[in-house]
Amino acid sequence: MSNHEEIASRIADVIISPDSVLGLVHGVISIPIDLGYLAYDYIDSQSRYPHQTERIRIAQAIKNGILNHDRIIESIKIVFEKFDKYVSESKQNQIYSKTTFSLLGRATGNSIISSKVATAICGRASLFVSLRGGLMGNILLAGGMTERSIRTSEKLSADEPEVYQALRVKDYDLLYFMFEPALKPFVDALTVRRQQGLPAFKSILDLVESKVSHHE
């Protein structure tokens, strides 16, 4: 399977069945991953000082309510808006006309997907807060999750600056690690557009339309 086809398949899966994101974000709040990032933070001592500023930003963002359900939904919608910016209205209609959103409209469809991703994330977060247990465990895991948030934001900045800047305005780039598993194919498609040009991006969209059209 080509890279373009793989990206298209993942985008089509999310569009065809937003419920599929529940599985994609299942491991988003993961104890082993958190611990891995925490260990990496100690090994990569060169990044420790620069990341301290980011930790302060995270603390302030949390204080300002960045983890509220509505803020998570808003951050996810921003990614869809950046993707849709480069998809013509006719192509959007062609893709969505083959889905359950055909009567609801594209904007409503994106809102449904955004809400489902956010609900899955919030549900997982609540579950693991109750399972972690112990003050020290919470501190360690919070440290690992913080490092994960920072490094995922940095990678997004390098991979797709436009999406990063749109999220960064409200510190939503710090949330990207939470919904990256579900929305990364949309970001990957934008990276293809930037690096390989519009024809390559349109090729992905054509593949998405074909996969959605042939879905039973």
N, C-alpha and C. Protein backbone atom coordinates (compact mmCIF):
# COMPACT_ATOMS: atom_id res chain seq x y z
N MET A 1 0.85 -1.20 0.00
CA MET A 1 0.00 0.00 0.00
C MET A 1 0.88 1.25 0.00
N SER A 2 0.64 2.18 -0.93
CA SER A 2 1.42 3.41 -0.98
C SER A 2 1.09 4.30 0.21
N ASN A 3 2.00 5.25 0.47
CA ASN A 3 1.79 6.18 1.57
C ASN A 3 0.50 6.97 1.36
N HIS A 4 0.25 7.39 0.13
CA HIS A 4 -0.96 8.16 -0.17
C HIS A 4 -2.20 7.32 0.09
N GLU A 5 -2.16 6.08 -0.29
CA GLU A 5 -3.32 5.21 -0.10
C GLU A 5 -3.55 4.93 1.38
N GLU A 6 -2.48 4.78 2.12
CA GLU A 6 -2.62 4.54 3.56
C GLU A 6 -3.26 5.74 4.24
N ILE A 7 -2.79 6.94 3.90
CA ILE A 7 -3.37 8.16 4.47
C ILE A 7 -4.85 8.25 4.11
N ALA A 8 -5.16 8.00 2.84
CA ALA A 8 -6.55 8.08 2.38
C ALA A 8 -7.44 7.08 3.10
N SER A 9 -6.92 5.88 3.31
CA SER A 9 -7.70 4.84 4.00
C SER A 9 -8.03 5.25 5.42
N ARG A 10 -7.07 5.85 6.09
CA ARG A 10 -7.29 6.26 7.49
C ARG A 10 -8.26 7.43 7.57
N ILE A 11 -8.17 8.36 6.60
CA ILE A 11 -9.13 9.46 6.57
C ILE A 11 -10.53 8.93 6.30
N ALA A 12 -10.65 8.04 5.33
CA ALA A 12 -11.96 7.48 4.97
C ALA A 12 -12.58 6.74 6.16
N ASP A 13 -11.76 6.01 6.90
CA ASP A 13 -12.29 5.28 8.05
C ASP A 13 -12.94 6.21 9.06
N VAL A 14 -12.30 7.36 9.31
CA VAL A 14 -12.84 8.32 10.27
C VAL A 14 -14.11 8.96 9.74
N ILE A 15 -14.14 9.29 8.44
CA ILE A 15 -15.32 9.92 7.85
C ILE A 15 -16.49 8.95 7.79
N ILE A 16 -16.22 7.70 7.39
CA ILE A 16 -17.29 6.70 7.26
C ILE A 16 -17.89 6.37 8.62
N SER A 17 -17.03 6.22 9.62
CA SER A 17 -17.52 5.81 10.94
C SER A 17 -16.80 6.57 12.04
N PRO A 18 -17.34 7.70 12.45
CA PRO A 18 -16.70 8.46 13.53
C PRO A 18 -16.54 7.64 14.81
N ASP A 19 -17.38 6.62 14.99
CA ASP A 19 -17.24 5.77 16.17
C ASP A 19 -15.90 5.04 16.19
N SER A 20 -15.27 4.92 15.02
CA SER A 20 -13.98 4.22 14.96
C SER A 20 -12.91 4.96 15.73
N VAL A 21 -13.12 6.25 15.97
CA VAL A 21 -12.10 7.01 16.71
C VAL A 21 -12.01 6.52 18.15
N LEU A 22 -13.07 5.88 18.64
CA LEU A 22 -13.02 5.38 20.01
C LEU A 22 -11.88 4.39 20.18
N GLY A 23 -11.67 3.57 19.14
CA GLY A 23 -10.56 2.63 19.18
C GLY A 23 -9.23 3.33 18.97
N LEU A 24 -9.20 4.34 18.11
CA LEU A 24 -7.96 5.04 17.81
C LEU A 24 -7.40 5.76 19.02
N VAL A 25 -8.28 6.31 19.85
CA VAL A 25 -7.80 7.07 21.02
C VAL A 25 -7.81 6.22 22.28
N HIS A 26 -8.05 4.92 22.13
CA HIS A 26 -8.15 4.04 23.29
C HIS A 26 -6.91 4.12 24.17
N GLY A 27 -5.74 4.23 23.54
CA GLY A 27 -4.50 4.25 24.31
C GLY A 27 -3.94 5.64 24.52
N VAL A 28 -4.77 6.66 24.32
CA VAL A 28 -4.28 8.03 24.39
C VAL A 28 -3.81 8.40 25.79
N ILE A 29 -4.48 7.89 26.80
CA ILE A 29 -4.03 8.13 28.17
C ILE A 29 -3.43 6.82 28.66
N SER A 30 -2.16 6.63 28.40
CA SER A 30 -1.53 5.34 28.62
C SER A 30 -0.42 5.43 29.65
N ILE A 31 -0.49 4.60 30.68
CA ILE A 31 0.53 4.61 31.73
C ILE A 31 1.91 4.24 31.18
N PRO A 32 2.08 3.15 30.40
CA PRO A 32 3.41 2.83 29.88
C PRO A 32 3.99 3.94 29.01
N ILE A 33 3.17 4.56 28.17
CA ILE A 33 3.66 5.63 27.31
C ILE A 33 4.08 6.83 28.15
N ASP A 34 3.28 7.17 29.15
CA ASP A 34 3.63 8.27 30.03
C ASP A 34 4.97 8.04 30.70
N LEU A 35 5.17 6.83 31.20
CA LEU A 35 6.42 6.51 31.88
C LEU A 35 7.60 6.55 30.90
N GLY A 36 7.35 6.12 29.67
CA GLY A 36 8.40 6.16 28.65
C GLY A 36 8.85 7.57 28.37
N TYR A 37 7.90 8.48 28.25
CA TYR A 37 8.25 9.88 28.00
C TYR A 37 8.95 10.49 29.22
N LEU A 38 8.54 10.08 30.39
CA LEU A 38 9.18 10.58 31.60
C LEU A 38 10.65 10.16 31.63
N ALA A 39 10.91 8.90 31.30
CA ALA A 39 12.29 8.41 31.25
C ALA A 39 13.09 9.15 30.19
N TYR A 40 12.47 9.39 29.05
CA TYR A 40 13.15 10.09 27.96
C TYR A 40 13.53 11.50 28.38
N ASP A 41 12.68 12.12 29.19
CA ASP A 41 12.95 13.46 29.69
C ASP A 41 14.24 13.48 30.51
N TYR A 42 14.45 12.46 31.31
CA TYR A 42 15.66 12.40 32.14
C TYR A 42 16.89 12.14 31.29
N ILE A 43 16.76 11.33 30.25
CA ILE A 43 17.90 11.02 29.39
C ILE A 43 18.29 12.22 28.54
N ASP A 44 17.30 12.90 27.97
CA ASP A 44 17.55 14.03 27.09
C ASP A 44 17.69 15.30 27.92
N SER A 45 18.81 15.45 28.58
CA SER A 45 19.00 16.56 29.51
C SER A 45 19.09 17.91 28.79
N GLN A 46 19.47 17.91 27.50
CA GLN A 46 19.61 19.16 26.76
C GLN A 46 18.28 19.88 26.58
N SER A 47 17.20 19.11 26.57
CA SER A 47 15.88 19.71 26.36
C SER A 47 15.21 20.10 27.68
N ARG A 48 15.83 19.75 28.78
CA ARG A 48 15.15 19.93 30.06
C ARG A 48 14.86 21.40 30.36
N TYR A 49 15.87 22.27 30.14
CA TYR A 49 15.66 23.68 30.45
C TYR A 49 14.63 24.33 29.52
N PRO A 50 14.78 24.16 28.18
CA PRO A 50 13.76 24.75 27.29
C PRO A 50 12.35 24.24 27.59
N HIS A 51 12.24 22.99 28.00
CA HIS A 51 10.93 22.43 28.28
C HIS A 51 10.32 22.97 29.56
N GLN A 52 11.17 23.55 30.41
CA GLN A 52 10.64 24.10 31.65
C GLN A 52 9.67 25.25 31.35
N THR A 53 10.01 26.06 30.36
CA THR A 53 9.12 27.15 29.95
C THR A 53 7.79 26.59 29.46
N GLU A 54 7.86 25.48 28.73
CA GLU A 54 6.64 24.86 28.23
C GLU A 54 5.81 24.29 29.37
N ARG A 55 6.47 23.78 30.39
CA ARG A 55 5.72 23.26 31.55
C ARG A 55 4.96 24.37 32.25
N ILE A 56 5.56 25.53 32.31
CA ILE A 56 4.88 26.69 32.90
C ILE A 56 3.67 27.05 32.06
N ARG A 57 3.85 26.99 30.73
CA ARG A 57 2.72 27.28 29.83
C ARG A 57 1.60 26.27 30.01
N ILE A 58 1.96 25.01 30.18
CA ILE A 58 0.95 23.97 30.39
C ILE A 58 0.19 24.24 31.68
N ALA A 59 0.92 24.55 32.75
CA ALA A 59 0.27 24.80 34.04
C ALA A 59 -0.71 25.97 33.93
N GLN A 60 -0.31 27.01 33.22
CA GLN A 60 -1.19 28.17 33.06
C GLN A 60 -2.40 27.82 32.20
N ALA A 61 -2.17 27.03 31.15
CA ALA A 61 -3.27 26.64 30.26
C ALA A 61 -4.29 25.79 31.01
N ILE A 62 -3.81 24.88 31.85
CA ILE A 62 -4.72 24.05 32.65
C ILE A 62 -5.52 24.93 33.60
N LYS A 63 -4.84 25.89 34.21
CA LYS A 63 -5.51 26.82 35.12
C LYS A 63 -6.60 27.59 34.39
N ASN A 64 -6.37 27.86 33.10
CA ASN A 64 -7.33 28.63 32.31
C ASN A 64 -8.42 27.75 31.68
N GLY A 65 -8.42 26.46 32.02
CA GLY A 65 -9.51 25.59 31.59
C GLY A 65 -9.31 24.90 30.27
N ILE A 66 -8.06 24.70 29.85
CA ILE A 66 -7.81 24.10 28.54
C ILE A 66 -8.33 22.67 28.44
N LEU A 67 -8.49 21.99 29.58
CA LEU A 67 -8.95 20.60 29.56
C LEU A 67 -10.47 20.46 29.58
N ASN A 68 -11.17 21.59 29.54
CA ASN A 68 -12.63 21.52 29.47
C ASN A 68 -13.05 20.84 28.17
N HIS A 69 -14.13 20.09 28.24
CA HIS A 69 -14.62 19.32 27.09
C HIS A 69 -14.82 20.21 25.87
N ASP A 70 -15.40 21.39 26.04
CA ASP A 70 -15.67 22.29 24.92
C ASP A 70 -14.38 22.77 24.27
N ARG A 71 -13.34 22.97 25.08
CA ARG A 71 -12.06 23.43 24.53
C ARG A 71 -11.40 22.33 23.71
N ILE A 72 -11.54 21.09 24.16
CA ILE A 72 -10.99 19.96 23.40
C ILE A 72 -11.70 19.84 22.05
N ILE A 73 -13.03 19.97 22.06
CA ILE A 73 -13.80 19.92 20.81
C ILE A 73 -13.34 21.04 19.87
N GLU A 74 -13.18 22.23 20.41
CA GLU A 74 -12.77 23.38 19.60
C GLU A 74 -11.40 23.14 18.96
N SER A 75 -10.48 22.57 19.72
CA SER A 75 -9.14 22.32 19.18
C SER A 75 -9.18 21.31 18.05
N ILE A 76 -10.02 20.30 18.18
CA ILE A 76 -10.15 19.28 17.13
C ILE A 76 -10.77 19.88 15.87
N LYS A 77 -11.76 20.75 16.05
CA LYS A 77 -12.40 21.40 14.90
C LYS A 77 -11.41 22.25 14.11
N ILE A 78 -10.45 22.84 14.81
CA ILE A 78 -9.45 23.67 14.14
C ILE A 78 -8.65 22.85 13.13
N VAL A 79 -8.32 21.61 13.51
CA VAL A 79 -7.57 20.74 12.59
C VAL A 79 -8.41 20.45 11.35
N PHE A 80 -9.69 20.15 11.54
CA PHE A 80 -10.58 19.89 10.40
C PHE A 80 -10.69 21.13 9.51
N GLU A 81 -10.77 22.30 10.13
CA GLU A 81 -10.89 23.53 9.35
C GLU A 81 -9.66 23.76 8.49
N LYS A 82 -8.48 23.45 9.02
CA LYS A 82 -7.25 23.60 8.25
C LYS A 82 -7.21 22.61 7.09
N PHE A 83 -7.71 21.42 7.32
CA PHE A 83 -7.78 20.42 6.26
C PHE A 83 -8.77 20.86 5.18
N ASP A 84 -9.97 21.27 5.61
CA ASP A 84 -11.01 21.66 4.66
C ASP A 84 -10.63 22.89 3.84
N LYS A 85 -9.73 23.70 4.36
CA LYS A 85 -9.29 24.91 3.67
C LYS A 85 -8.74 24.58 2.28
N TYR A 86 -8.15 23.40 2.14
CA TYR A 86 -7.52 23.02 0.88
C TYR A 86 -8.34 22.01 0.09
N VAL A 87 -9.57 21.76 0.54
CA VAL A 87 -10.46 20.84 -0.16
C VAL A 87 -11.60 21.65 -0.75
N SER A 88 -11.75 21.61 -2.06
CA SER A 88 -12.80 22.40 -2.70
C SER A 88 -14.18 21.97 -2.17
N GLU A 89 -15.13 22.90 -2.28
CA GLU A 89 -16.48 22.60 -1.80
C GLU A 89 -17.10 21.44 -2.57
N SER A 90 -16.83 21.39 -3.88
CA SER A 90 -17.38 20.30 -4.69
C SER A 90 -16.79 18.95 -4.25
N LYS A 91 -15.50 18.93 -3.94
CA LYS A 91 -14.87 17.68 -3.50
C LYS A 91 -15.39 17.27 -2.13
N GLN A 92 -15.59 18.25 -1.25
CA GLN A 92 -16.16 17.95 0.07
C GLN A 92 -17.56 17.35 -0.09
N ASN A 93 -18.34 17.94 -0.98
CA ASN A 93 -19.69 17.42 -1.20
C ASN A 93 -19.66 16.00 -1.76
N GLN A 94 -18.72 15.75 -2.65
CA GLN A 94 -18.60 14.41 -3.23
C GLN A 94 -18.25 13.37 -2.17
N ILE A 95 -17.38 13.75 -1.26
CA ILE A 95 -16.95 12.82 -0.21
C ILE A 95 -18.08 12.59 0.81
N TYR A 96 -18.69 13.68 1.26
CA TYR A 96 -19.69 13.55 2.32
C TYR A 96 -21.04 13.07 1.82
N SER A 97 -21.28 13.20 0.52
CA SER A 97 -22.58 12.77 -0.01
C SER A 97 -22.74 11.25 0.07
N LYS A 98 -21.65 10.55 0.26
CA LYS A 98 -21.70 9.09 0.33
C LYS A 98 -21.75 8.58 1.78
N THR A 99 -21.85 9.51 2.72
CA THR A 99 -21.85 9.11 4.13
C THR A 99 -23.18 9.46 4.79
N THR A 100 -23.28 9.11 6.06
CA THR A 100 -24.50 9.41 6.82
C THR A 100 -24.66 10.89 7.07
N PHE A 101 -23.62 11.70 6.72
CA PHE A 101 -23.71 13.14 6.94
C PHE A 101 -24.29 13.86 5.75
N SER A 102 -24.68 13.14 4.68
CA SER A 102 -25.10 13.76 3.44
C SER A 102 -26.29 14.70 3.64
N LEU A 103 -27.20 14.34 4.54
CA LEU A 103 -28.37 15.17 4.78
C LEU A 103 -28.12 16.23 5.85
N LEU A 104 -27.03 16.04 6.61
CA LEU A 104 -26.74 16.96 7.70
C LEU A 104 -25.83 18.10 7.26
N GLY A 105 -25.01 17.83 6.27
CA GLY A 105 -24.07 18.85 5.82
C GLY A 105 -22.67 18.59 6.35
N ARG A 106 -21.68 19.12 5.61
CA ARG A 106 -20.30 18.87 5.96
C ARG A 106 -19.94 19.43 7.33
N ALA A 107 -20.38 20.66 7.63
CA ALA A 107 -20.01 21.27 8.90
C ALA A 107 -20.54 20.44 10.07
N THR A 108 -21.78 19.96 9.93
CA THR A 108 -22.36 19.13 10.98
C THR A 108 -21.60 17.82 11.11
N GLY A 109 -21.20 17.28 9.99
CA GLY A 109 -20.43 16.04 10.02
C GLY A 109 -19.13 16.21 10.78
N ASN A 110 -18.42 17.29 10.50
CA ASN A 110 -17.17 17.56 11.21
C ASN A 110 -17.40 17.76 12.70
N SER A 111 -18.52 18.40 13.04
CA SER A 111 -18.84 18.62 14.45
C SER A 111 -19.09 17.30 15.17
N ILE A 112 -19.77 16.37 14.49
CA ILE A 112 -20.04 15.06 15.08
C ILE A 112 -18.74 14.31 15.32
N ILE A 113 -17.85 14.31 14.32
CA ILE A 113 -16.57 13.63 14.48
C ILE A 113 -15.78 14.26 15.62
N SER A 114 -15.73 15.59 15.65
CA SER A 114 -14.99 16.28 16.70
C SER A 114 -15.52 15.92 18.09
N SER A 115 -16.84 15.89 18.21
CA SER A 115 -17.45 15.57 19.50
C SER A 115 -17.13 14.15 19.94
N LYS A 116 -17.14 13.21 18.98
CA LYS A 116 -16.87 11.82 19.33
C LYS A 116 -15.41 11.63 19.77
N VAL A 117 -14.50 12.29 19.08
CA VAL A 117 -13.09 12.21 19.48
C VAL A 117 -12.91 12.78 20.88
N ALA A 118 -13.50 13.95 21.12
CA ALA A 118 -13.37 14.60 22.43
C ALA A 118 -13.98 13.76 23.54
N THR A 119 -15.15 13.17 23.27
CA THR A 119 -15.82 12.33 24.27
C THR A 119 -14.97 11.11 24.61
N ALA A 120 -14.36 10.51 23.58
CA ALA A 120 -13.51 9.34 23.82
C ALA A 120 -12.31 9.71 24.68
N ILE A 121 -11.69 10.85 24.39
CA ILE A 121 -10.53 11.30 25.15
C ILE A 121 -10.90 11.58 26.59
N CYS A 122 -11.98 12.32 26.79
CA CYS A 122 -12.39 12.67 28.15
C CYS A 122 -12.77 11.43 28.96
N GLY A 123 -13.40 10.47 28.29
CA GLY A 123 -13.75 9.23 28.97
C GLY A 123 -12.53 8.47 29.43
N ARG A 124 -11.51 8.37 28.56
CA ARG A 124 -10.28 7.68 28.91
C ARG A 124 -9.55 8.41 30.02
N ALA A 125 -9.51 9.73 29.94
CA ALA A 125 -8.81 10.51 30.96
C ALA A 125 -9.44 10.29 32.34
N SER A 126 -10.76 10.30 32.40
CA SER A 126 -11.45 10.10 33.66
C SER A 126 -11.16 8.72 34.23
N LEU A 127 -11.11 7.71 33.35
CA LEU A 127 -10.86 6.35 33.79
C LEU A 127 -9.49 6.22 34.44
N PHE A 128 -8.46 6.77 33.78
CA PHE A 128 -7.12 6.57 34.29
C PHE A 128 -6.81 7.43 35.51
N VAL A 129 -7.52 8.55 35.65
CA VAL A 129 -7.37 9.32 36.88
C VAL A 129 -7.79 8.48 38.07
N SER A 130 -8.85 7.67 37.89
CA SER A 130 -9.34 6.84 38.99
C SER A 130 -8.46 5.61 39.22
N LEU A 131 -7.71 5.16 38.18
CA LEU A 131 -6.92 3.95 38.31
C LEU A 131 -5.49 4.20 38.77
N ARG A 132 -4.95 5.36 38.58
CA ARG A 132 -3.54 5.60 38.85
C ARG A 132 -3.20 5.39 40.32
N GLY A 133 -3.90 6.07 41.18
CA GLY A 133 -3.72 5.86 42.61
C GLY A 133 -2.37 6.27 43.14
N GLY A 134 -2.35 6.88 44.33
CA GLY A 134 -1.09 7.22 44.97
C GLY A 134 -0.56 8.55 44.50
N LEU A 135 -0.18 9.41 45.44
CA LEU A 135 0.28 10.75 45.10
C LEU A 135 1.53 10.70 44.24
N MET A 136 2.51 9.87 44.60
CA MET A 136 3.75 9.80 43.84
C MET A 136 3.51 9.31 42.42
N GLY A 137 2.64 8.29 42.28
CA GLY A 137 2.32 7.79 40.95
C GLY A 137 1.71 8.87 40.09
N ASN A 138 0.81 9.66 40.68
CA ASN A 138 0.19 10.74 39.92
C ASN A 138 1.21 11.78 39.48
N ILE A 139 2.17 12.09 40.38
CA ILE A 139 3.20 13.07 40.05
C ILE A 139 4.06 12.58 38.89
N LEU A 140 4.47 11.32 38.96
CA LEU A 140 5.32 10.75 37.91
C LEU A 140 4.60 10.71 36.57
N LEU A 141 3.34 10.26 36.60
CA LEU A 141 2.58 10.14 35.37
C LEU A 141 2.26 11.50 34.79
N ALA A 142 1.99 12.45 35.66
CA ALA A 142 1.74 13.81 35.19
C ALA A 142 2.99 14.36 34.51
N GLY A 143 4.17 14.04 35.09
CA GLY A 143 5.42 14.47 34.48
C GLY A 143 5.62 13.86 33.12
N GLY A 144 5.33 12.55 33.00
CA GLY A 144 5.46 11.88 31.72
C GLY A 144 4.48 12.42 30.70
N MET A 145 3.27 12.70 31.13
CA MET A 145 2.26 13.21 30.21
C MET A 145 2.63 14.62 29.76
N THR A 146 3.19 15.41 30.66
CA THR A 146 3.63 16.75 30.30
C THR A 146 4.71 16.69 29.23
N GLU A 147 5.68 15.81 29.42
CA GLU A 147 6.76 15.66 28.43
C GLU A 147 6.20 15.20 27.09
N ARG A 148 5.24 14.32 27.15
CA ARG A 148 4.60 13.82 25.93
C ARG A 148 3.89 14.94 25.19
N SER A 149 3.20 15.80 25.94
CA SER A 149 2.50 16.93 25.36
C SER A 149 3.48 17.87 24.66
N ILE A 150 4.59 18.16 25.32
CA ILE A 150 5.58 19.09 24.77
C ILE A 150 6.22 18.53 23.51
N ARG A 151 6.64 17.28 23.56
CA ARG A 151 7.35 16.70 22.42
C ARG A 151 6.42 16.49 21.22
N THR A 152 5.16 16.16 21.47
CA THR A 152 4.22 16.01 20.36
C THR A 152 3.93 17.36 19.72
N SER A 153 3.85 18.40 20.56
CA SER A 153 3.67 19.76 20.04
C SER A 153 4.87 20.17 19.19
N GLU A 154 6.06 19.87 19.65
CA GLU A 154 7.27 20.21 18.89
C GLU A 154 7.30 19.50 17.54
N LYS A 155 6.91 18.26 17.55
CA LYS A 155 6.90 17.49 16.29
C LYS A 155 5.87 18.05 15.32
N LEU A 156 4.70 18.43 15.83
CA LEU A 156 3.68 19.03 14.98
C LEU A 156 4.19 20.33 14.38
N SER A 157 4.91 21.12 15.16
CA SER A 157 5.47 22.38 14.69
C SER A 157 6.42 22.15 13.51
N ALA A 158 7.19 21.07 13.59
CA ALA A 158 8.14 20.76 12.52
C ALA A 158 7.44 20.14 11.31
N ASP A 159 6.46 19.27 11.57
CA ASP A 159 5.81 18.53 10.49
C ASP A 159 4.78 19.36 9.73
N GLU A 160 3.98 20.14 10.45
CA GLU A 160 2.90 20.90 9.82
C GLU A 160 2.72 22.23 10.55
N PRO A 161 3.57 23.21 10.23
CA PRO A 161 3.58 24.50 10.95
C PRO A 161 2.24 25.23 10.94
N GLU A 162 1.49 25.12 9.83
CA GLU A 162 0.23 25.87 9.75
C GLU A 162 -0.77 25.37 10.78
N VAL A 163 -0.89 24.07 10.92
CA VAL A 163 -1.79 23.51 11.93
C VAL A 163 -1.29 23.87 13.31
N TYR A 164 0.01 23.77 13.51
CA TYR A 164 0.59 24.11 14.82
C TYR A 164 0.27 25.56 15.19
N GLN A 165 0.48 26.49 14.28
CA GLN A 165 0.24 27.90 14.58
C GLN A 165 -1.22 28.16 14.90
N ALA A 166 -2.12 27.50 14.19
CA ALA A 166 -3.55 27.69 14.44
C ALA A 166 -3.93 27.21 15.83
N LEU A 167 -3.34 26.10 16.26
CA LEU A 167 -3.60 25.57 17.60
C LEU A 167 -2.89 26.38 18.67
N ARG A 168 -1.71 26.84 18.36
CA ARG A 168 -0.84 27.51 19.34
C ARG A 168 -1.46 28.79 19.88
N VAL A 169 -2.30 29.45 19.08
CA VAL A 169 -2.91 30.73 19.48
C VAL A 169 -3.59 30.61 20.84
N LYS A 170 -4.26 29.48 21.07
CA LYS A 170 -4.97 29.27 22.34
C LYS A 170 -4.33 28.15 23.17
N ASP A 171 -3.07 27.88 22.90
CA ASP A 171 -2.34 26.81 23.60
C ASP A 171 -2.91 25.42 23.31
N TYR A 172 -3.69 25.29 22.26
CA TYR A 172 -4.28 24.00 21.94
C TYR A 172 -3.25 23.01 21.39
N ASP A 173 -2.09 23.53 20.99
CA ASP A 173 -1.03 22.61 20.55
C ASP A 173 -0.64 21.65 21.67
N LEU A 174 -0.87 22.06 22.92
CA LEU A 174 -0.55 21.23 24.08
C LEU A 174 -1.52 20.06 24.22
N LEU A 175 -2.66 20.16 23.54
CA LEU A 175 -3.66 19.09 23.58
C LEU A 175 -3.50 18.12 22.41
N TYR A 176 -2.67 18.47 21.45
CA TYR A 176 -2.62 17.69 20.21
C TYR A 176 -2.29 16.22 20.46
N PHE A 177 -1.44 15.93 21.45
CA PHE A 177 -1.08 14.54 21.72
C PHE A 177 -2.30 13.70 22.06
N MET A 178 -3.36 14.33 22.55
CA MET A 178 -4.54 13.60 22.98
C MET A 178 -5.36 13.10 21.79
N PHE A 179 -5.42 13.90 20.72
CA PHE A 179 -6.25 13.47 19.58
C PHE A 179 -5.42 13.16 18.33
N GLU A 180 -4.10 13.16 18.47
CA GLU A 180 -3.24 12.84 17.33
C GLU A 180 -3.57 11.49 16.68
N PRO A 181 -3.83 10.41 17.46
CA PRO A 181 -4.11 9.12 16.81
C PRO A 181 -5.29 9.16 15.84
N ALA A 182 -6.29 9.99 16.13
CA ALA A 182 -7.47 10.06 15.27
C ALA A 182 -7.29 11.01 14.09
N LEU A 183 -6.58 12.11 14.30
CA LEU A 183 -6.53 13.16 13.27
C LEU A 183 -5.21 13.24 12.53
N LYS A 184 -4.25 12.40 12.89
CA LYS A 184 -2.95 12.45 12.21
C LYS A 184 -3.05 12.23 10.70
N PRO A 185 -3.93 11.36 10.19
CA PRO A 185 -4.00 11.22 8.72
C PRO A 185 -4.39 12.51 8.02
N PHE A 186 -5.23 13.33 8.65
CA PHE A 186 -5.60 14.62 8.06
C PHE A 186 -4.39 15.55 8.04
N VAL A 187 -3.61 15.53 9.12
CA VAL A 187 -2.39 16.33 9.18
C VAL A 187 -1.35 15.79 8.20
N ASP A 188 -1.25 14.48 8.09
CA ASP A 188 -0.31 13.87 7.14
C ASP A 188 -0.65 14.29 5.71
N ALA A 189 -1.93 14.36 5.40
CA ALA A 189 -2.35 14.78 4.06
C ALA A 189 -1.92 16.22 3.79
N LEU A 190 -2.03 17.06 4.80
CA LEU A 190 -1.60 18.45 4.65
C LEU A 190 -0.09 18.53 4.46
N THR A 191 0.64 17.65 5.12
CA THR A 191 2.09 17.61 4.95
C THR A 191 2.45 17.20 3.53
N VAL A 192 1.69 16.25 2.98
CA VAL A 192 1.90 15.84 1.58
C VAL A 192 1.66 17.03 0.66
N ARG A 193 0.61 17.80 0.91
CA ARG A 193 0.31 18.97 0.09
C ARG A 193 1.47 19.97 0.13
N ARG A 194 2.00 20.20 1.31
CA ARG A 194 3.08 21.18 1.47
C ARG A 194 4.39 20.70 0.86
N GLN A 195 4.68 19.43 1.01
CA GLN A 195 5.98 18.91 0.56
C GLN A 195 5.97 18.43 -0.89
N GLN A 196 4.83 17.87 -1.33
CA GLN A 196 4.77 17.25 -2.66
C GLN A 196 3.89 18.02 -3.65
N GLY A 197 3.14 19.00 -3.13
CA GLY A 197 2.34 19.82 -4.02
C GLY A 197 0.87 19.45 -4.04
N LEU A 198 0.08 20.34 -4.65
CA LEU A 198 -1.37 20.17 -4.69
C LEU A 198 -1.81 18.92 -5.45
N PRO A 199 -1.16 18.55 -6.56
CA PRO A 199 -1.58 17.33 -7.27
C PRO A 199 -1.52 16.09 -6.39
N ALA A 200 -0.48 15.98 -5.56
CA ALA A 200 -0.36 14.83 -4.66
C ALA A 200 -1.48 14.85 -3.62
N PHE A 201 -1.81 16.04 -3.13
CA PHE A 201 -2.89 16.18 -2.16
C PHE A 201 -4.23 15.79 -2.79
N LYS A 202 -4.46 16.25 -4.02
CA LYS A 202 -5.70 15.91 -4.72
C LYS A 202 -5.79 14.42 -4.98
N SER A 203 -4.64 13.79 -5.20
CA SER A 203 -4.63 12.34 -5.38
C SER A 203 -5.14 11.63 -4.14
N ILE A 204 -4.74 12.12 -2.98
CA ILE A 204 -5.23 11.54 -1.72
C ILE A 204 -6.73 11.74 -1.60
N LEU A 205 -7.21 12.94 -1.96
CA LEU A 205 -8.65 13.22 -1.86
C LEU A 205 -9.45 12.32 -2.79
N ASP A 206 -8.91 12.08 -4.00
CA ASP A 206 -9.59 11.18 -4.93
C ASP A 206 -9.68 9.77 -4.36
N LEU A 207 -8.62 9.33 -3.70
CA LEU A 207 -8.61 8.01 -3.08
C LEU A 207 -9.62 7.95 -1.93
N VAL A 208 -9.70 9.05 -1.16
CA VAL A 208 -10.68 9.10 -0.07
C VAL A 208 -12.09 8.97 -0.63
N GLU A 209 -12.37 9.74 -1.68
CA GLU A 209 -13.71 9.69 -2.30
C GLU A 209 -14.03 8.29 -2.79
N SER A 210 -13.04 7.64 -3.41
CA SER A 210 -13.25 6.29 -3.94
C SER A 210 -13.54 5.30 -2.81
N LYS A 211 -12.78 5.40 -1.73
CA LYS A 211 -12.96 4.47 -0.62
C LYS A 211 -14.30 4.69 0.08
N VAL A 212 -14.68 5.95 0.22
CA VAL A 212 -15.97 6.26 0.84
C VAL A 212 -17.11 5.78 -0.05
N SER A 213 -16.96 5.98 -1.36
CA SER A 213 -18.01 5.62 -2.33
C SER A 213 -18.24 4.11 -2.36
N HIS A 214 -17.18 3.33 -2.18
CA HIS A 214 -17.30 1.88 -2.28
C HIS A 214 -17.57 1.21 -0.93
N HIS A 215 -17.75 2.06 0.08
CA HIS A 215 -18.05 1.48 1.41
C HIS A 215 -19.47 0.92 1.41
N GLU A 216 -19.59 -0.28 1.93
CA GLU A 216 -20.92 -0.92 2.02
C GLU A 216 -21.49 -0.73 3.41
